[in-house]
Amino acid sequence: MVWSEGRTGPTTMLIDESRLSTLISDVGADSLGELLDIFERETGQKIASLAACPPERLSAAYHFVKGSAQNLGLAELAALCRQAEHDAARGVIPDAARVRDCFHASFAALRARCD
C-alpha cells in the first residue's frame, strides 16, 4: 500500500492496492497505461476548472472526480472528493486547491507504482 502523512488525517491510504489489483486484473496491465492517460487528461481538466465552477455545479464536479479516483484506487483523493461533494451540496465551497494538490500527489504515486 502507498500511504501519505498528514493530508486528510494523520496517515491515510493514498492508493488502495486491492482496488488497483482488481482493475489490472479486469483491464490487463497493457491497457492500464491508457487508462492512466485518460484519467490524467480528463480528471486533470475537471480539477483545473473547479475554482471557476458555478456553485450549483460543484457537487456534480466533485462527484465525477470521486468516481474516477475510486475506479483507479486513489483512496485519499476519493475520500477528499466525497467530503467536497457533500459540502458543495450543502452550499459550502470546498477547498479546490487541496483537491488539486491531492490529485497531483495521488497521480504521481500511482504512476510511480505502475511504472
C-alpha atoms as a PDB file:
ATOM      1  CA  MET A   1       0.000   0.000   0.000  1.00  0.00           C
ATOM      2  CA  VAL A   2       1.066   3.549  -0.583  1.00  0.00           C
ATOM      3  CA  TRP A   3       0.470   5.831   2.396  1.00  0.00           C
ATOM      4  CA  SER A   4       0.666   9.549   2.900  1.00  0.00           C
ATOM      5  CA  GLU A   5       1.093  11.511   6.084  1.00  0.00           C
ATOM      6  CA  GLY A   6      -0.925  14.461   7.232  1.00  0.00           C
ATOM      7  CA  ARG A   7      -3.151  15.102   4.202  1.00  0.00           C
ATOM      8  CA  THR A   8      -6.679  14.121   5.252  1.00  0.00           C
ATOM      9  CA  GLY A   9      -5.663  12.593   8.556  1.00  0.00           C
ATOM     10  CA  PRO A  10      -2.550  11.553  10.451  1.00  0.00           C
ATOM     11  CA  THR A  11      -1.816   8.746   7.998  1.00  0.00           C
ATOM     12  CA  THR A  12      -4.142   7.898   5.126  1.00  0.00           C
ATOM     13  CA  MET A  13      -4.056   5.383   2.319  1.00  0.00           C
ATOM     14  CA  LEU A  14      -3.109   7.125  -0.908  1.00  0.00           C
ATOM     15  CA  ILE A  15      -3.560   4.073  -3.158  1.00  0.00           C
ATOM     16  CA  ASP A  16      -5.896   1.176  -2.438  1.00  0.00           C
ATOM     17  CA  GLU A  17      -3.760  -1.712  -3.676  1.00  0.00           C
ATOM     18  CA  SER A  18      -6.698  -4.111  -3.624  1.00  0.00           C
ATOM     19  CA  ARG A  19      -8.760  -1.907  -5.953  1.00  0.00           C
ATOM     20  CA  LEU A  20      -5.757  -1.310  -8.217  1.00  0.00           C
ATOM     21  CA  SER A  21      -5.072  -5.061  -8.438  1.00  0.00           C
ATOM     22  CA  THR A  22      -8.715  -5.690  -9.335  1.00  0.00           C
ATOM     23  CA  LEU A  23      -8.545  -3.027 -12.044  1.00  0.00           C
ATOM     24  CA  ILE A  24      -5.359  -4.504 -13.511  1.00  0.00           C
ATOM     25  CA  SER A  25      -6.993  -7.929 -13.442  1.00  0.00           C
ATOM     26  CA  ASP A  26     -10.092  -6.575 -15.199  1.00  0.00           C
ATOM     27  CA  VAL A  27      -8.435  -4.498 -17.937  1.00  0.00           C
ATOM     28  CA  GLY A  28      -4.980  -6.034 -18.179  1.00  0.00           C
ATOM     29  CA  ALA A  29      -1.656  -4.418 -17.481  1.00  0.00           C
ATOM     30  CA  ASP A  30      -1.279  -3.378 -21.125  1.00  0.00           C
ATOM     31  CA  SER A  31      -4.423  -1.224 -21.000  1.00  0.00           C
ATOM     32  CA  LEU A  32      -3.611   0.378 -17.659  1.00  0.00           C
ATOM     33  CA  GLY A  33      -1.282   2.982 -19.180  1.00  0.00           C
ATOM     34  CA  GLU A  34      -4.040   4.163 -21.500  1.00  0.00           C
ATOM     35  CA  LEU A  35      -6.490   4.407 -18.592  1.00  0.00           C
ATOM     36  CA  LEU A  36      -3.972   6.460 -16.622  1.00  0.00           C
ATOM     37  CA  ASP A  37      -3.514   8.819 -19.569  1.00  0.00           C
ATOM     38  CA  ILE A  38      -7.279   9.284 -19.899  1.00  0.00           C
ATOM     39  CA  PHE A  39      -7.648   9.832 -16.146  1.00  0.00           C
ATOM     40  CA  GLU A  40      -4.828  12.380 -16.074  1.00  0.00           C
ATOM     41  CA  ARG A  41      -6.259  14.318 -19.016  1.00  0.00           C
ATOM     42  CA  GLU A  42      -9.985  14.256 -18.212  1.00  0.00           C
ATOM     43  CA  THR A  43      -9.833  14.403 -14.433  1.00  0.00           C
ATOM     44  CA  GLY A  44      -6.996  16.915 -14.550  1.00  0.00           C
ATOM     45  CA  GLN A  45      -9.148  19.194 -16.711  1.00  0.00           C
ATOM     46  CA  LYS A  46     -12.096  18.825 -14.326  1.00  0.00           C
ATOM     47  CA  ILE A  47      -9.900  19.633 -11.330  1.00  0.00           C
ATOM     48  CA  ALA A  48      -8.378  22.632 -13.103  1.00  0.00           C
ATOM     49  CA  SER A  49     -11.880  24.002 -13.642  1.00  0.00           C
ATOM     50  CA  LEU A  50     -13.103  23.574 -10.044  1.00  0.00           C
ATOM     51  CA  ALA A  51     -12.129  27.052  -8.850  1.00  0.00           C
ATOM     52  CA  ALA A  52     -14.221  28.641 -11.622  1.00  0.00           C
ATOM     53  CA  CYS A  53     -17.095  26.159 -11.434  1.00  0.00           C
ATOM     54  CA  PRO A  54     -20.508  27.671 -10.649  1.00  0.00           C
ATOM     55  CA  PRO A  55     -21.555  26.726  -7.109  1.00  0.00           C
ATOM     56  CA  GLU A  56     -24.632  24.859  -8.340  1.00  0.00           C
ATOM     57  CA  ARG A  57     -22.407  22.516 -10.394  1.00  0.00           C
ATOM     58  CA  LEU A  58     -19.697  21.887  -7.796  1.00  0.00           C
ATOM     59  CA  SER A  59     -21.282  18.811  -6.241  1.00  0.00           C
ATOM     60  CA  ALA A  60     -21.516  17.098  -9.651  1.00  0.00           C
ATOM     61  CA  ALA A  61     -17.936  18.064 -10.500  1.00  0.00           C
ATOM     62  CA  TYR A  62     -16.591  16.571  -7.268  1.00  0.00           C
ATOM     63  CA  HIS A  63     -18.773  13.502  -7.817  1.00  0.00           C
ATOM     64  CA  PHE A  64     -17.105  12.976 -11.214  1.00  0.00           C
ATOM     65  CA  VAL A  65     -13.612  13.240  -9.721  1.00  0.00           C
ATOM     66  CA  LYS A  66     -14.569  10.975  -6.807  1.00  0.00           C
ATOM     67  CA  GLY A  67     -15.817   8.233  -9.133  1.00  0.00           C
ATOM     68  CA  SER A  68     -12.762   8.440 -11.356  1.00  0.00           C
ATOM     69  CA  ALA A  69     -10.452   8.288  -8.336  1.00  0.00           C
ATOM     70  CA  GLN A  70     -12.307   5.303  -6.886  1.00  0.00           C
ATOM     71  CA  ASN A  71     -12.003   3.402 -10.161  1.00  0.00           C
ATOM     72  CA  LEU A  72      -8.207   3.701 -10.034  1.00  0.00           C
ATOM     73  CA  GLY A  73      -7.893   3.026  -6.310  1.00  0.00           C
ATOM     74  CA  LEU A  74      -6.914   6.579  -5.362  1.00  0.00           C
ATOM     75  CA  ALA A  75      -8.411   6.283  -1.886  1.00  0.00           C
ATOM     76  CA  GLU A  76      -7.335   9.598  -0.387  1.00  0.00           C
ATOM     77  CA  LEU A  77      -8.449  11.611  -3.404  1.00  0.00           C
ATOM     78  CA  ALA A  78     -11.797   9.799  -3.470  1.00  0.00           C
ATOM     79  CA  ALA A  79     -12.355  10.451   0.247  1.00  0.00           C
ATOM     80  CA  LEU A  80     -11.471  14.124  -0.117  1.00  0.00           C
ATOM     81  CA  CYS A  81     -13.841  14.469  -3.088  1.00  0.00           C
ATOM     82  CA  ARG A  82     -16.607  12.631  -1.239  1.00  0.00           C
ATOM     83  CA  GLN A  83     -16.412  15.245   1.520  1.00  0.00           C
ATOM     84  CA  ALA A  84     -16.183  18.087  -1.019  1.00  0.00           C
ATOM     85  CA  GLU A  85     -19.224  16.711  -2.855  1.00  0.00           C
ATOM     86  CA  HIS A  86     -21.253  16.688   0.377  1.00  0.00           C
ATOM     87  CA  ASP A  87     -20.018  20.153   1.345  1.00  0.00           C
ATOM     88  CA  ALA A  88     -20.912  21.589  -2.068  1.00  0.00           C
ATOM     89  CA  ALA A  89     -24.388  20.038  -1.885  1.00  0.00           C
ATOM     90  CA  ARG A  90     -24.877  21.930   1.409  1.00  0.00           C
ATOM     91  CA  GLY A  91     -23.694  25.205  -0.134  1.00  0.00           C
ATOM     92  CA  VAL A  92     -20.211  25.132   1.397  1.00  0.00           C
ATOM     93  CA  ILE A  93     -17.474  25.886  -1.157  1.00  0.00           C
ATOM     94  CA  PRO A  94     -14.791  23.165  -0.879  1.00  0.00           C
ATOM     95  CA  ASP A  95     -11.065  23.898  -0.998  1.00  0.00           C
ATOM     96  CA  ALA A  96     -10.284  23.261  -4.692  1.00  0.00           C
ATOM     97  CA  ALA A  97      -6.547  23.791  -4.128  1.00  0.00           C
ATOM     98  CA  ARG A  98      -6.476  20.982  -1.579  1.00  0.00           C
ATOM     99  CA  VAL A  99      -8.186  18.638  -4.036  1.00  0.00           C
ATOM    100  CA  ARG A 100      -5.796  19.722  -6.801  1.00  0.00           C
ATOM    101  CA  ASP A 101      -2.759  19.061  -4.613  1.00  0.00           C
ATOM    102  CA  CYS A 102      -4.101  15.660  -3.585  1.00  0.00           C
ATOM    103  CA  PHE A 103      -4.786  14.820  -7.257  1.00  0.00           C
ATOM    104  CA  HIS A 104      -1.190  15.587  -8.228  1.00  0.00           C
ATOM    105  CA  ALA A 105       0.307  13.680  -5.273  1.00  0.00           C
ATOM    106  CA  SER A 106      -2.003  10.701  -5.766  1.00  0.00           C
ATOM    107  CA  PHE A 107      -1.464  10.516  -9.502  1.00  0.00           C
ATOM    108  CA  ALA A 108       2.321  10.784  -9.134  1.00  0.00           C
ATOM    109  CA  ALA A 109       2.270   7.913  -6.623  1.00  0.00           C
ATOM    110  CA  LEU A 110       0.050   5.856  -8.930  1.00  0.00           C
ATOM    111  CA  ARG A 111       2.312   6.428 -11.951  1.00  0.00           C
ATOM    112  CA  ALA A 112       5.366   5.504  -9.891  1.00  0.00           C
ATOM    113  CA  ARG A 113       3.601   2.376  -8.609  1.00  0.00           C
ATOM    114  CA  CYS A 114       2.567   1.292 -12.123  1.00  0.00           C
ATOM    115  CA  ASP A 115       5.822   2.023 -13.972  1.00  0.00           C
END
